[in-house]
Amino acid sequence: MKNIAVITPGFSADCLETLEEIAFENAHIFKQHGGENFAAIPCLNDSAPGMEVIRRLAERELEGWV
């Protein structure tokens, strides 16, 4: 495998630890082992679509409680 794009669906926002471990350390390991292109796809963070996903999930999960 020469090309890889990595997403972290367990995170709603990027943080320094995520960026350090996923984007930099793993990119280095991937390239040491013959990989050529490593892309770490950023989280949705505070973008309008990201906030919409969180809003919809919260509304769905809280239905009947709030």
Foldseek 3Di string as FASTA:
>chain_A
DAEDEDEDVVDQADDPVCCCVPVPVVVVVCVVVPHHYYHYDGHCHPPPVSVVVVVVVVCVVCVPPD
